[in-house]
Protein backbone atom coordinates (compact mmCIF):
# COMPACT_ATOMS: atom_id res chain seq x y z
CA MET A 1 -25.39 19.71 86.45
CA ARG A 2 -28.04 18.71 83.89
CA HIS A 3 -25.54 18.74 81.03
CA SER A 4 -23.13 16.70 82.93
CA ILE A 5 -25.68 13.80 83.50
CA LEU A 6 -26.75 13.91 79.58
CA LEU A 7 -22.98 13.64 79.05
CA PHE A 8 -22.33 10.86 81.14
CA ALA A 9 -25.50 9.11 79.63
CA LEU A 10 -24.18 9.45 76.29
CA ILE A 11 -20.77 8.04 77.20
CA PHE A 12 -22.57 5.26 78.72
CA PHE A 13 -25.03 4.46 75.92
CA PHE A 14 -22.14 4.34 73.32
CA SER A 15 -19.77 2.23 75.43
CA CYS A 16 -22.75 -0.16 75.96
CA THR A 17 -23.52 -0.23 72.14
CA ARG A 18 -22.90 -3.91 70.87
CA TYR A 19 -21.23 -3.86 67.49
CA ASP A 20 -21.16 -7.15 65.20
CA TYR A 21 -17.42 -6.26 64.29
CA ASP A 22 -14.61 -3.89 65.77
CA VAL A 23 -13.67 -2.97 62.22
CA ILE A 24 -14.94 -3.43 58.64
CA ILE A 25 -12.45 -2.48 55.83
CA GLU A 26 -14.65 -1.95 52.72
CA ASN A 27 -14.43 -1.62 48.90
CA GLY A 28 -10.87 -2.35 48.91
CA THR A 29 -8.78 -4.92 46.65
CA ILE A 30 -7.89 -7.83 48.60
CA TYR A 31 -4.62 -9.43 48.04
CA ASP A 32 -4.42 -12.51 50.52
CA GLY A 33 -0.81 -13.27 50.62
CA SER A 34 -0.82 -16.18 48.21
CA GLY A 35 0.19 -14.24 45.16
CA ALA A 36 -3.23 -14.60 43.82
CA PRO A 37 -4.33 -11.42 41.72
CA GLY A 38 -6.59 -9.05 44.02
CA ILE A 39 -10.30 -9.27 44.50
CA GLN A 40 -12.92 -6.82 45.42
CA ALA A 41 -14.15 -7.78 49.14
CA ASP A 42 -14.52 -6.43 52.53
CA VAL A 43 -12.67 -7.63 55.63
CA ALA A 44 -14.10 -7.59 58.99
CA ILE A 45 -12.09 -7.93 62.51
CA LYS A 46 -13.16 -9.02 65.76
CA ASP A 47 -10.94 -8.67 68.69
CA ASP A 48 -7.36 -9.97 67.32
CA ARG A 49 -8.89 -11.83 64.49
CA ILE A 50 -10.05 -11.88 60.74
CA VAL A 51 -13.41 -12.86 61.28
CA HIS A 52 -15.10 -12.67 57.53
CA ILE A 53 -13.62 -11.75 54.11
CA GLY A 54 -16.33 -11.17 51.29
CA ILE A 55 -19.22 -9.02 50.87
CA ILE A 56 -20.37 -7.75 54.16
CA ASP A 57 -24.09 -6.95 54.67
CA PRO A 58 -24.10 -3.01 55.00
CA GLU A 59 -26.75 -3.60 57.83
CA LEU A 60 -24.01 -5.02 60.04
CA THR A 61 -22.22 -2.71 62.34
CA ALA A 62 -18.75 -1.89 63.47
CA ARG A 63 -16.84 0.53 65.81
CA THR A 64 -14.53 1.51 63.15
CA ARG A 65 -15.45 1.54 58.99
CA ILE A 66 -12.86 2.29 56.70
CA ASP A 67 -13.46 2.92 52.76
CA ALA A 68 -10.57 1.52 51.32
CA THR A 69 -11.81 2.25 47.62
CA GLY A 70 -8.87 2.48 45.48
CA LYS A 71 -6.62 0.71 47.96
CA ALA A 72 -4.72 -2.60 48.35
CA VAL A 73 -5.62 -4.56 51.37
CA THR A 74 -3.05 -7.12 52.56
CA PRO A 75 -1.41 -9.00 55.27
CA GLY A 76 1.18 -7.50 57.37
CA PHE A 77 4.40 -7.36 56.02
CA ILE A 78 7.33 -9.39 57.62
CA ASN A 79 10.59 -7.77 58.15
CA MET A 80 12.94 -10.85 57.82
CA LEU A 81 16.11 -9.24 59.29
CA SER A 82 15.73 -6.07 61.70
CA TRP A 83 18.34 -4.63 64.15
CA GLY A 84 15.45 -3.11 66.14
CA ALA A 85 15.64 -4.77 69.30
CA ASN A 86 17.52 -2.11 71.14
CA ASN A 87 15.27 0.36 69.48
CA LEU A 88 12.21 -1.34 70.40
CA LEU A 89 13.23 -1.71 74.34
CA ARG A 90 13.54 2.04 74.36
CA ASP A 91 10.59 3.12 71.90
CA GLY A 92 8.04 0.38 71.09
CA ARG A 93 6.62 2.38 68.34
CA SER A 94 8.63 1.12 65.76
CA MET A 95 7.94 3.99 63.52
CA SER A 96 9.96 3.55 60.56
CA ASP A 97 8.80 0.00 59.91
CA ILE A 98 5.11 0.46 60.88
CA LYS A 99 4.69 3.14 58.71
CA GLN A 100 5.83 1.02 55.70
CA GLY A 101 3.21 -1.73 56.52
CA VAL A 102 5.66 -4.09 58.60
CA THR A 103 3.68 -5.95 61.36
CA LEU A 104 6.54 -8.43 62.26
CA VAL A 105 10.12 -7.82 62.75
CA LEU A 106 12.86 -10.22 63.19
CA PHE A 107 16.12 -10.14 64.97
CA GLY A 108 19.09 -12.52 65.45
CA GLU A 109 21.68 -12.12 62.54
CA GLY A 110 24.48 -13.73 64.59
CA THR A 111 23.85 -12.01 67.59
CA SER A 112 20.78 -12.06 69.66
CA MET A 113 19.22 -10.61 72.96
CA GLY A 114 20.21 -13.75 74.76
CA PRO A 115 21.20 -16.06 76.22
CA TYR A 116 23.63 -14.62 78.89
CA ASN A 117 26.24 -16.29 80.68
CA ALA A 118 26.67 -15.52 84.46
CA GLU A 119 29.57 -13.13 83.62
CA GLU A 120 27.35 -11.16 81.08
CA ILE A 121 24.67 -11.15 83.51
CA ALA A 122 26.46 -9.62 86.25
CA ARG A 123 28.00 -6.99 83.91
CA ARG A 124 24.34 -6.21 82.72
CA GLN A 125 23.11 -6.03 86.29
CA SER A 126 26.17 -3.40 86.99
CA ARG A 127 25.04 -1.26 84.45
CA ALA A 128 21.23 -1.56 84.86
CA ALA A 129 22.09 -0.32 88.69
CA GLU A 130 23.11 3.02 87.08
CA THR A 131 20.59 3.27 84.33
CA GLY A 132 17.44 1.29 85.90
CA GLY A 133 16.98 -0.82 82.62
CA PRO A 134 15.75 -4.27 82.82
CA VAL A 135 17.99 -7.46 82.77
CA TRP A 136 17.04 -10.84 81.42
CA ARG A 137 18.99 -14.18 80.92
CA THR A 138 17.36 -15.89 77.91
CA LEU A 139 16.04 -14.80 74.66
CA GLY A 140 12.60 -15.65 75.14
CA GLU A 141 12.51 -13.60 78.55
CA PHE A 142 13.90 -10.61 76.20
CA LEU A 143 10.94 -11.16 73.82
CA TYR A 144 8.37 -11.48 76.43
CA LEU A 145 9.78 -8.11 77.95
CA LEU A 146 9.14 -6.41 74.77
CA GLU A 147 5.63 -7.63 74.73
CA HIS A 148 5.10 -6.90 78.26
CA GLN A 149 6.45 -2.97 77.78
CA GLY A 150 4.54 -2.63 74.84
CA VAL A 151 5.41 -2.78 71.04
CA SER A 152 3.50 -1.79 67.83
CA THR A 153 4.76 -4.52 65.97
CA ASN A 154 4.99 -8.08 66.42
CA VAL A 155 8.54 -9.37 67.20
CA GLY A 156 10.47 -12.67 66.75
CA SER A 157 14.07 -13.71 66.80
CA PHE A 158 16.55 -16.31 65.65
CA VAL A 159 19.15 -17.17 68.35
CA GLY A 160 22.80 -16.01 67.34
CA ALA A 161 25.29 -18.31 66.84
CA SER A 162 28.03 -15.91 67.98
CA THR A 163 25.77 -15.12 71.12
CA ILE A 164 25.81 -19.11 71.86
CA ARG A 165 29.51 -18.82 71.23
CA ARG A 166 30.38 -16.17 73.54
CA TYR A 167 28.33 -17.73 76.24
CA THR A 168 30.51 -21.03 76.05
CA LEU A 169 33.84 -19.73 74.53
CA GLY A 170 34.15 -16.08 74.73
CA GLU A 171 35.71 -13.93 71.99
CA ASP A 172 38.75 -16.25 71.26
CA ASN A 173 39.47 -18.07 67.91
CA ILE A 174 39.14 -21.62 69.43
CA GLU A 175 37.36 -24.76 68.76
CA PRO A 176 34.88 -26.11 71.10
CA THR A 177 35.58 -29.21 73.08
CA ALA A 178 33.07 -32.09 72.74
CA GLU A 179 31.57 -31.03 76.07
CA GLN A 180 31.55 -27.21 75.05
CA LEU A 181 29.75 -28.23 71.86
CA HIS A 182 27.35 -30.05 73.73
CA GLU A 183 26.76 -27.13 76.02
CA MET A 184 26.23 -25.02 73.02
CA ARG A 185 23.75 -27.22 71.59
CA GLU A 186 21.75 -27.44 74.65
CA LEU A 187 21.51 -23.53 74.57
CA VAL A 188 20.05 -23.59 71.09
CA ARG A 189 17.51 -26.15 72.15
CA GLU A 190 16.42 -24.00 74.98
CA ALA A 191 15.96 -20.98 72.67
CA MET A 192 14.25 -23.10 70.03
CA LEU A 193 11.68 -24.39 72.61
CA GLU A 194 11.34 -20.70 74.13
CA GLY A 195 10.18 -19.87 70.38
CA ALA A 196 13.18 -18.76 68.44
CA MET A 197 12.88 -19.16 64.68
CA GLY A 198 16.07 -20.98 64.28
CA LEU A 199 20.11 -20.17 64.53
CA GLY A 200 21.61 -17.08 63.04
CA SER A 201 25.24 -16.60 62.14
CA ALA A 202 27.29 -13.67 60.83
CA LEU A 203 30.74 -15.06 59.44
CA ILE A 204 32.45 -12.03 58.88
CA TYR A 205 32.42 -10.44 62.31
CA THR A 206 33.99 -11.97 65.25
CA PRO A 207 33.65 -14.31 67.02
CA GLY A 208 31.22 -15.62 64.32
CA VAL A 209 34.16 -15.73 62.00
CA PHE A 210 35.92 -18.37 63.95
CA ALA A 211 33.00 -20.99 63.87
CA SER A 212 33.57 -23.87 61.54
CA THR A 213 31.30 -25.41 59.31
CA TYR A 214 31.10 -28.55 61.36
CA GLU A 215 30.32 -25.99 64.61
CA LEU A 216 27.38 -24.59 62.60
CA ALA A 217 26.14 -27.70 61.17
CA SER A 218 26.11 -29.29 64.60
CA LEU A 219 24.08 -26.42 66.15
CA SER A 220 21.55 -26.73 63.06
CA GLU A 221 21.12 -30.27 63.70
CA VAL A 222 19.16 -29.16 67.00
CA VAL A 223 17.33 -26.62 64.98
CA ALA A 224 16.32 -28.93 62.34
CA GLU A 225 14.77 -31.17 65.16
CA TYR A 226 12.13 -28.43 65.55
CA ASP A 227 11.80 -27.40 61.84
CA GLY A 228 13.54 -24.35 62.38
CA MET A 229 15.73 -22.59 60.17
CA TYR A 230 19.43 -21.57 59.97
CA THR A 231 19.97 -18.35 58.60
CA SER A 232 23.44 -16.89 57.58
CA HIS A 233 25.30 -13.60 56.78
CA ILE A 234 27.54 -15.70 54.72
CA ARG A 235 31.49 -15.55 54.93
CA SER A 236 31.92 -13.82 51.79
CA GLU A 237 29.65 -11.75 49.73
CA GLY A 238 32.50 -10.74 47.44
CA ASP A 239 35.77 -12.45 46.87
CA ARG A 240 34.68 -15.94 48.07
CA PHE A 241 30.97 -15.47 47.20
CA GLU A 242 30.46 -18.91 45.78
CA GLU A 243 32.42 -20.79 48.45
CA ALA A 244 30.29 -18.94 51.02
CA VAL A 245 26.94 -19.95 49.41
CA GLN A 246 28.30 -23.40 49.11
CA GLU A 247 28.72 -23.49 52.89
CA VAL A 248 25.12 -22.86 53.33
CA ILE A 249 24.38 -25.70 50.95
CA ASP A 250 26.66 -28.07 53.01
CA ILE A 251 25.23 -27.05 56.25
CA ALA A 252 21.84 -27.76 55.11
CA GLU A 253 22.99 -31.07 53.40
CA MET A 254 24.84 -31.97 56.83
CA SER A 255 22.20 -31.10 59.38
CA GLY A 256 18.99 -31.57 57.45
CA VAL A 257 18.19 -27.73 58.41
CA ARG A 258 16.25 -25.50 56.27
CA ALA A 259 18.73 -22.89 55.24
CA HIS A 260 18.24 -18.99 54.44
CA ILE A 261 20.81 -16.42 53.03
CA HIS A 262 20.49 -13.09 54.53
CA HIS A 263 20.89 -10.11 52.34
CA LEU A 264 21.97 -11.93 49.42
CA LYS A 265 24.44 -9.73 47.31
CA ALA A 266 27.66 -9.66 44.97
CA ALA A 267 29.52 -7.04 46.64
CA GLY A 268 32.21 -5.26 44.52
CA GLU A 269 32.16 -4.57 40.76
CA TYR A 270 34.70 -7.25 40.07
CA ASN A 271 32.49 -9.89 41.98
CA TRP A 272 29.07 -8.90 40.21
CA HIS A 273 29.39 -11.60 37.58
CA LYS A 274 29.28 -14.40 40.20
CA LEU A 275 25.53 -13.77 40.87
CA ASP A 276 25.13 -15.94 37.97
CA ASN A 277 26.53 -18.97 39.35
CA VAL A 278 25.24 -18.40 42.85
CA ILE A 279 21.54 -18.46 41.45
CA ALA A 280 22.50 -21.73 39.66
CA MET A 281 23.93 -23.24 42.70
CA VAL A 282 21.04 -22.24 44.90
CA GLU A 283 18.35 -23.29 42.40
CA GLY A 284 20.41 -26.70 41.81
CA ALA A 285 20.22 -27.43 45.68
CA ARG A 286 16.59 -26.78 45.65
CA GLU A 287 15.99 -29.20 42.68
CA ARG A 288 17.85 -31.68 45.12
CA GLY A 289 15.36 -31.46 47.66
CA LEU A 290 17.01 -28.78 50.09
CA ASP A 291 15.22 -25.82 51.24
CA ILE A 292 17.22 -22.85 50.62
CA THR A 293 15.88 -19.46 50.52
CA SER A 294 17.06 -15.82 50.91
CA SER A 295 16.22 -12.14 51.61
CA MET A 296 17.58 -8.86 50.26
CA TYR A 297 17.45 -5.27 50.87
CA ASN A 298 16.47 -3.04 47.64
CA TYR A 299 19.67 -0.83 47.57
CA THR A 300 23.09 -0.91 46.00
CA ALA A 301 24.94 -0.01 49.17
CA ALA A 302 25.53 -2.09 52.11
CA ALA A 303 25.60 -0.65 55.93
CA THR A 304 28.03 -1.98 58.66
CA SER A 305 30.92 -0.42 60.34
CA PHE A 306 34.55 -0.29 59.85
CA THR A 307 34.90 -3.87 61.39
CA ALA A 308 34.17 -4.80 57.92
CA ILE A 309 37.49 -3.74 56.62
CA MET A 310 39.50 -5.21 59.52
CA PRO A 311 41.29 -8.66 59.32
CA PRO A 312 39.71 -10.99 61.85
CA TRP A 313 42.89 -11.38 63.80
CA SER A 314 42.90 -7.80 64.46
CA ARG A 315 39.50 -8.24 66.24
CA GLU A 316 40.19 -11.45 68.38
CA GLY A 317 39.49 -10.89 72.14
CA GLY A 318 36.79 -8.18 71.58
CA ASN A 319 36.93 -4.19 71.11
CA GLU A 320 39.29 -3.19 73.94
CA ALA A 321 41.77 -5.84 72.58
CA TRP A 322 41.30 -4.46 68.90
CA PHE A 323 41.88 -0.86 69.94
CA GLU A 324 44.92 -1.66 71.70
CA ARG A 325 46.39 -3.38 68.57
CA LEU A 326 45.38 -0.20 66.86
CA ARG A 327 47.17 1.88 69.02
CA ASP A 328 50.40 -0.35 68.75
CA PRO A 329 52.48 1.03 65.85
CA GLU A 330 54.04 -2.17 64.60
CA THR A 331 50.64 -4.06 64.81
CA ARG A 332 48.88 -1.04 63.03
CA ALA A 333 51.08 -1.04 60.40
CA ARG A 334 50.40 -4.65 59.67
CA ILE A 335 46.74 -4.03 59.63
CA VAL A 336 46.94 -1.41 57.23
CA ASN A 337 48.93 -3.20 54.85
CA GLU A 338 46.54 -6.12 55.03
CA ILE A 339 43.57 -3.68 54.40
CA LYS A 340 45.27 -2.29 51.07
CA THR A 341 46.38 -5.74 49.88
CA VAL A 342 44.35 -8.25 47.77
CA THR A 343 44.79 -11.31 50.01
CA GLY A 344 41.44 -13.09 49.79
CA ASP A 345 42.01 -14.14 53.43
CA PHE A 346 38.89 -12.15 54.62
CA GLU A 347 35.98 -10.02 53.75
CA ASN A 348 37.44 -6.67 52.87
CA PHE A 349 35.00 -4.05 52.10
CA TYR A 350 37.62 -1.26 51.75
CA LEU A 351 38.64 -3.01 48.50
CA MET A 352 35.32 -4.15 47.58
CA ALA A 353 34.20 -0.43 47.77
CA GLY A 354 36.75 0.21 45.18
CA SER A 355 37.35 3.77 46.38
CA PRO A 356 37.33 5.76 49.68
CA GLU A 357 34.66 8.12 48.07
CA ASN A 358 32.36 5.10 47.98
CA ILE A 359 32.43 4.47 51.66
CA ILE A 360 30.21 6.99 53.86
CA THR A 361 30.10 7.64 57.67
CA THR A 362 26.75 7.22 59.41
CA GLY A 363 27.41 8.27 62.97
CA PHE A 364 29.71 8.81 65.90
CA ARG A 365 29.32 8.62 69.71
CA ASN A 366 32.05 11.52 70.19
CA PRO A 367 30.32 14.90 69.58
CA ASP A 368 33.64 16.19 68.29
CA LEU A 369 33.28 13.80 65.33
CA ARG A 370 29.72 14.32 64.43
CA HIS A 371 30.54 17.10 61.72
CA TYR A 372 31.93 14.06 59.76
CA THR A 373 28.45 12.33 59.47
CA GLY A 374 27.48 11.56 56.21
CA ARG A 375 30.64 12.34 54.76
CA THR A 376 32.86 9.85 52.53
CA LEU A 377 36.08 8.32 53.94
CA GLY A 378 38.02 10.00 51.04
CA SER A 379 36.70 13.59 51.79
CA ILE A 380 37.44 13.11 55.59
CA ALA A 381 41.02 11.63 54.86
CA GLU A 382 41.64 14.78 52.46
CA GLU A 383 40.70 17.29 54.69
CA ARG A 384 42.75 15.88 57.68
CA GLY A 385 45.61 15.05 55.36
CA THR A 386 45.75 11.53 56.15
CA ASP A 387 45.82 8.00 54.23
CA PRO A 388 42.10 7.00 54.06
CA VAL A 389 43.05 3.57 56.01
CA GLU A 390 45.18 5.54 58.71
CA THR A 391 42.01 8.00 58.89
CA ALA A 392 39.54 5.23 59.31
CA ILE A 393 41.67 3.78 62.04
CA ASP A 394 42.02 7.23 63.74
CA LEU A 395 38.31 7.62 63.54
CA ILE A 396 37.92 4.24 65.22
CA LEU A 397 40.01 5.41 68.16
CA GLU A 398 38.77 8.94 68.33
CA ASP A 399 35.21 7.69 68.60
CA GLU A 400 36.02 4.61 70.77
CA SER A 401 33.59 2.59 68.42
CA ILE A 402 33.31 0.42 65.65
CA VAL A 403 31.89 3.71 63.58
CA GLY A 404 29.02 2.86 61.54
CA VAL A 405 29.56 3.09 57.90
CA VAL A 406 27.77 2.74 54.45
CA TYR A 407 29.67 0.98 51.48
CA PHE A 408 28.48 1.26 47.74
CA LEU A 409 29.43 -2.27 46.69
CA MET A 410 26.29 -3.80 44.51
CA SER A 411 24.99 -3.17 41.17
CA GLU A 412 21.18 -2.08 40.21
CA GLU A 413 20.86 -4.79 37.88
CA ASN A 414 21.76 -7.60 40.07
CA VAL A 415 19.14 -5.91 42.68
CA LYS A 416 16.34 -6.32 40.20
CA ARG A 417 17.49 -9.87 39.50
CA GLN A 418 17.18 -10.81 42.73
CA ILE A 419 13.99 -9.02 43.40
CA ALA A 420 12.61 -11.30 40.81
CA LEU A 421 13.89 -14.92 42.25
CA PRO A 422 11.04 -16.93 43.19
CA TRP A 423 12.85 -17.69 46.67
CA MET A 424 13.37 -14.24 47.61
CA THR A 425 12.11 -12.18 50.60
CA PHE A 426 12.91 -8.88 52.22
CA GLY A 427 14.65 -7.54 55.19
CA SER A 428 15.51 -4.13 55.92
CA ASP A 429 18.85 -5.14 57.80
CA SER A 430 18.49 -2.12 59.81
CA GLY A 431 17.00 -0.75 63.15
CA THR A 432 13.45 0.42 63.49
CA MET A 433 13.36 4.20 64.59
CA ALA A 434 11.26 7.43 64.94
CA ALA A 435 12.75 10.39 63.11
CA GLU A 436 13.27 12.56 66.17
CA GLY A 437 15.60 13.19 69.08
CA GLU A 438 19.08 11.61 69.47
CA VAL A 439 18.64 9.36 66.29
CA LEU A 440 18.79 12.59 64.09
CA ASN A 441 22.58 12.71 65.18
CA ARG A 442 23.18 9.77 62.78
CA ASN A 443 22.53 8.98 58.98
CA PRO A 444 21.71 5.29 59.10
CA HIS A 445 21.25 3.61 55.74
CA PRO A 446 17.93 4.64 54.14
CA ARG A 447 16.53 1.09 54.09
CA ALA A 448 15.52 1.69 57.77
CA TYR A 449 12.87 4.10 56.34
CA GLY A 450 12.28 2.91 52.79
CA ASN A 451 13.04 -0.80 52.10
CA PHE A 452 9.51 -2.23 51.84
CA ALA A 453 7.81 0.89 50.23
CA ARG A 454 10.84 1.05 47.48
CA LEU A 455 9.90 -2.26 46.72
CA LEU A 456 6.32 -1.52 46.29
CA GLY A 457 6.88 1.88 44.40
CA LYS A 458 10.01 1.84 42.76
CA TYR A 459 10.44 -1.85 41.68
CA VAL A 460 6.56 -2.83 41.29
CA ARG A 461 4.84 0.20 40.37
CA ASP A 462 7.14 2.42 38.55
CA GLU A 463 9.86 -0.39 37.16
CA GLN A 464 7.34 -3.34 36.76
CA VAL A 465 10.02 -5.77 38.02
CA ILE A 466 7.14 -8.03 39.61
CA PRO A 467 3.68 -8.06 39.75
CA LEU A 468 2.24 -6.47 42.76
CA GLU A 469 0.62 -9.86 44.03
CA GLU A 470 3.94 -11.40 43.76
CA ALA A 471 5.47 -8.69 45.65
CA ILE A 472 2.83 -9.03 48.51
CA HIS A 473 3.35 -12.68 48.38
CA LYS A 474 7.16 -12.24 49.06
CA LEU A 475 6.55 -9.64 51.76
CA THR A 476 3.83 -11.73 53.64
CA GLY A 477 2.85 -15.57 52.86
CA MET A 478 6.05 -16.81 51.67
CA ALA A 479 7.99 -15.19 54.45
CA ALA A 480 5.26 -16.69 56.99
CA GLU A 481 5.81 -20.08 55.44
CA ASN A 482 9.28 -19.95 55.29
CA LEU A 483 9.34 -19.32 58.86
CA ARG A 484 6.74 -21.93 59.82
CA ILE A 485 4.58 -19.51 61.53
CA THR A 486 0.94 -20.33 61.87
CA GLU A 487 -2.32 -18.06 61.56
CA ARG A 488 -0.25 -15.17 60.00
CA GLY A 489 1.11 -14.02 56.73
CA PHE A 490 -2.51 -14.47 54.95
CA LEU A 491 -5.77 -12.77 54.81
CA ARG A 492 -7.82 -15.94 56.03
CA GLU A 493 -10.77 -15.93 58.21
CA GLY A 494 -9.70 -17.10 61.93
CA TYR A 495 -5.96 -15.75 61.16
CA PHE A 496 -4.45 -12.95 63.32
CA ALA A 497 -5.74 -9.50 62.14
CA ASP A 498 -2.53 -8.09 60.81
CA VAL A 499 -3.55 -5.91 58.11
CA VAL A 500 -2.40 -3.12 55.81
CA VAL A 501 -4.25 -0.74 53.62
CA PHE A 502 -2.18 1.19 51.24
CA ASP A 503 -2.34 2.89 48.10
CA PRO A 504 -0.24 1.24 45.18
CA ALA A 505 -0.53 4.27 42.87
CA THR A 506 1.12 6.50 45.55
CA VAL A 507 3.32 4.27 48.08
CA GLN A 508 6.78 5.74 48.21
CA ASP A 509 9.97 5.81 50.12
CA HIS A 510 11.63 9.11 50.62
CA ALA A 511 14.56 8.26 52.67
CA THR A 512 18.05 9.07 51.06
CA PHE A 513 21.63 8.67 51.80
CA GLU A 514 21.84 12.46 52.36
CA ASN A 515 18.73 12.71 54.17
CA PRO A 516 17.80 9.29 55.65
CA HIS A 517 15.15 10.44 58.39
CA GLN A 518 12.12 10.53 56.07
CA TYR A 519 9.21 8.04 56.42
CA ALA A 520 7.56 6.37 53.54
CA THR A 521 4.22 7.28 52.47
CA GLY A 522 1.25 5.63 51.12
CA VAL A 523 0.40 3.35 53.72
CA TYR A 524 -2.91 4.64 55.45
CA HIS A 525 -3.84 1.85 57.92
CA VAL A 526 -2.20 -0.77 59.60
CA PHE A 527 -3.68 -3.11 62.05
CA VAL A 528 -1.45 -5.50 64.64
CA ASN A 529 -3.40 -8.39 66.25
CA GLY A 530 -6.53 -6.30 65.54
CA GLY A 531 -5.09 -3.07 67.23
CA HIS A 532 -5.37 0.21 64.94
CA VAL A 533 -1.77 1.07 65.04
CA ILE A 534 -1.44 3.47 61.79
CA ARG A 535 -4.69 5.58 61.14
CA ASP A 536 -4.98 7.85 58.03
CA GLY A 537 -1.13 7.62 57.88
CA GLY A 538 -0.63 8.82 61.46
CA HIS A 539 0.73 6.49 64.35
CA THR A 540 -1.96 5.90 67.43
CA ARG A 541 0.52 5.11 69.64
CA ALA A 542 -1.05 1.63 70.23
CA THR A 543 1.05 -1.17 70.94
CA PRO A 544 -0.54 -4.36 70.20
CA GLY A 545 2.49 -6.42 69.29
CA ARG A 546 3.38 -9.87 70.70
CA PHE A 547 6.13 -12.38 70.83
CA VAL A 548 5.66 -14.65 67.50
CA LYS A 549 7.23 -18.02 68.14
CA GLY A 550 8.75 -20.42 65.92
CA PRO A 551 7.98 -24.15 65.31
CA GLY A 552 10.05 -25.15 68.52
CA ALA A 553 7.67 -23.43 70.69
CA ALA A 554 4.87 -26.26 70.19
CA HIS A 555 7.05 -28.87 71.79
CA ASN A 556 7.06 -26.64 74.95
CA ALA A 557 3.44 -25.70 75.29
CA PRO A 558 3.24 -24.47 78.94
CA ALA A 559 6.32 -22.29 78.37
CA ALA A 560 5.04 -21.13 74.99
CA SER A 561 1.36 -19.84 76.65
CA ARG A 562 2.37 -18.44 79.86
């Protein structure tokens, strides 16, 4: 009894002890996100804010003290393009991102988690009745849901142009009427007021491929009203690369919007030389006063699905209509012929890869096909004794899915040139996941686990493509300024305490195409809104992430503060 009373008294004493700060990070090299060289200083955190940067009196107390001797102390990294929305709905830890120092993930390349029309909501409600999952209507509602459920990283999103199109026009290749375009613009406005970062398009996939330049510019006019950003997976990264970049510039000029090219790349060896002209086009537009920026991932392979080899007409009407066309012998023969023929009519990753040996499957829903995961399309075709394109179609039908695929398309020289561009930021273009459970049945692109650590290790430390302070600026302050988000992206007093402590000498990606489920190392501490999420390299299971809103939310203060 006496021991119990003593224990209770000690717990009560320590719980009542008043500390000057919650956290002090001392003796580290501070890179504040501005691009300035590092300085020796301490950082103090109280609640969710950075409250002091400088030399801290050793007499002052903190619940947690971290000795960052030999370490870099930086703002949290911003992932400009994540496909992690559904991952975080199931598991909010964001393991593959947070262990690299990412504290904000952004969704919305082409599609977004809302808004949904009545038909789509009814479909989701029917599914939810079986699974018990949540149902929401708008993009903002989804992002608040993630925050309420608990996420380790902050979250934000663009509203998807394809999602807006589906809401009003469905999956068909049609032009909106004036009334329909007005409805689409108002849906964009609603999303901007909720806190969307802007509008995101993906123009090689249906139904995004059906949107005209005029339609995208009209929607972007609404985005520009709120100083948001138009982002695009452009219509071509290969055969019509320059024309596709010009469309982005045209949309910026027509609408007044700030524009951003997702995962800039010259795809296909016979297109690699086009990067010179594209860089000149973007820099010329910037010199004329247009705000054009870009992001990238640091690999020579892209990851998407077998949809990227398909002529767009074959995908009109959605997956079921596509499957039916693939099952019809006459239509299938036409599709096969178009995939194998250089036409320039659509973005054809099969031809750009150069060989079926440069195409690797990443996963299947059908358990009977999972032994093909991580195999090249060429080797699968050889084993089956079928033509590679026919094999791809067979796999689609047998799996009843789009089938995830990696395509080797880019050059290492171009990757390095792009990293050094002064208007380049970074996005994983991948999910955010834990290396456990069902996810191990798939072989995702290693960028999910390594994109940011690869920049800091391989390209900054080992190959010295850019200095460390410049890389940190691109990952933090530059990205935040491009997005027009406030009080984040820099280490400044009064800013939200999104803070990373890592070792520049050891930070390293480990994920490979053969074994992608390997976490990066060298990141020792990560704080999100002052919450200690990564401690000594391990996840604490803390979920302090919040919905980070774009500039339009300031025009809708009651909704933005609820």
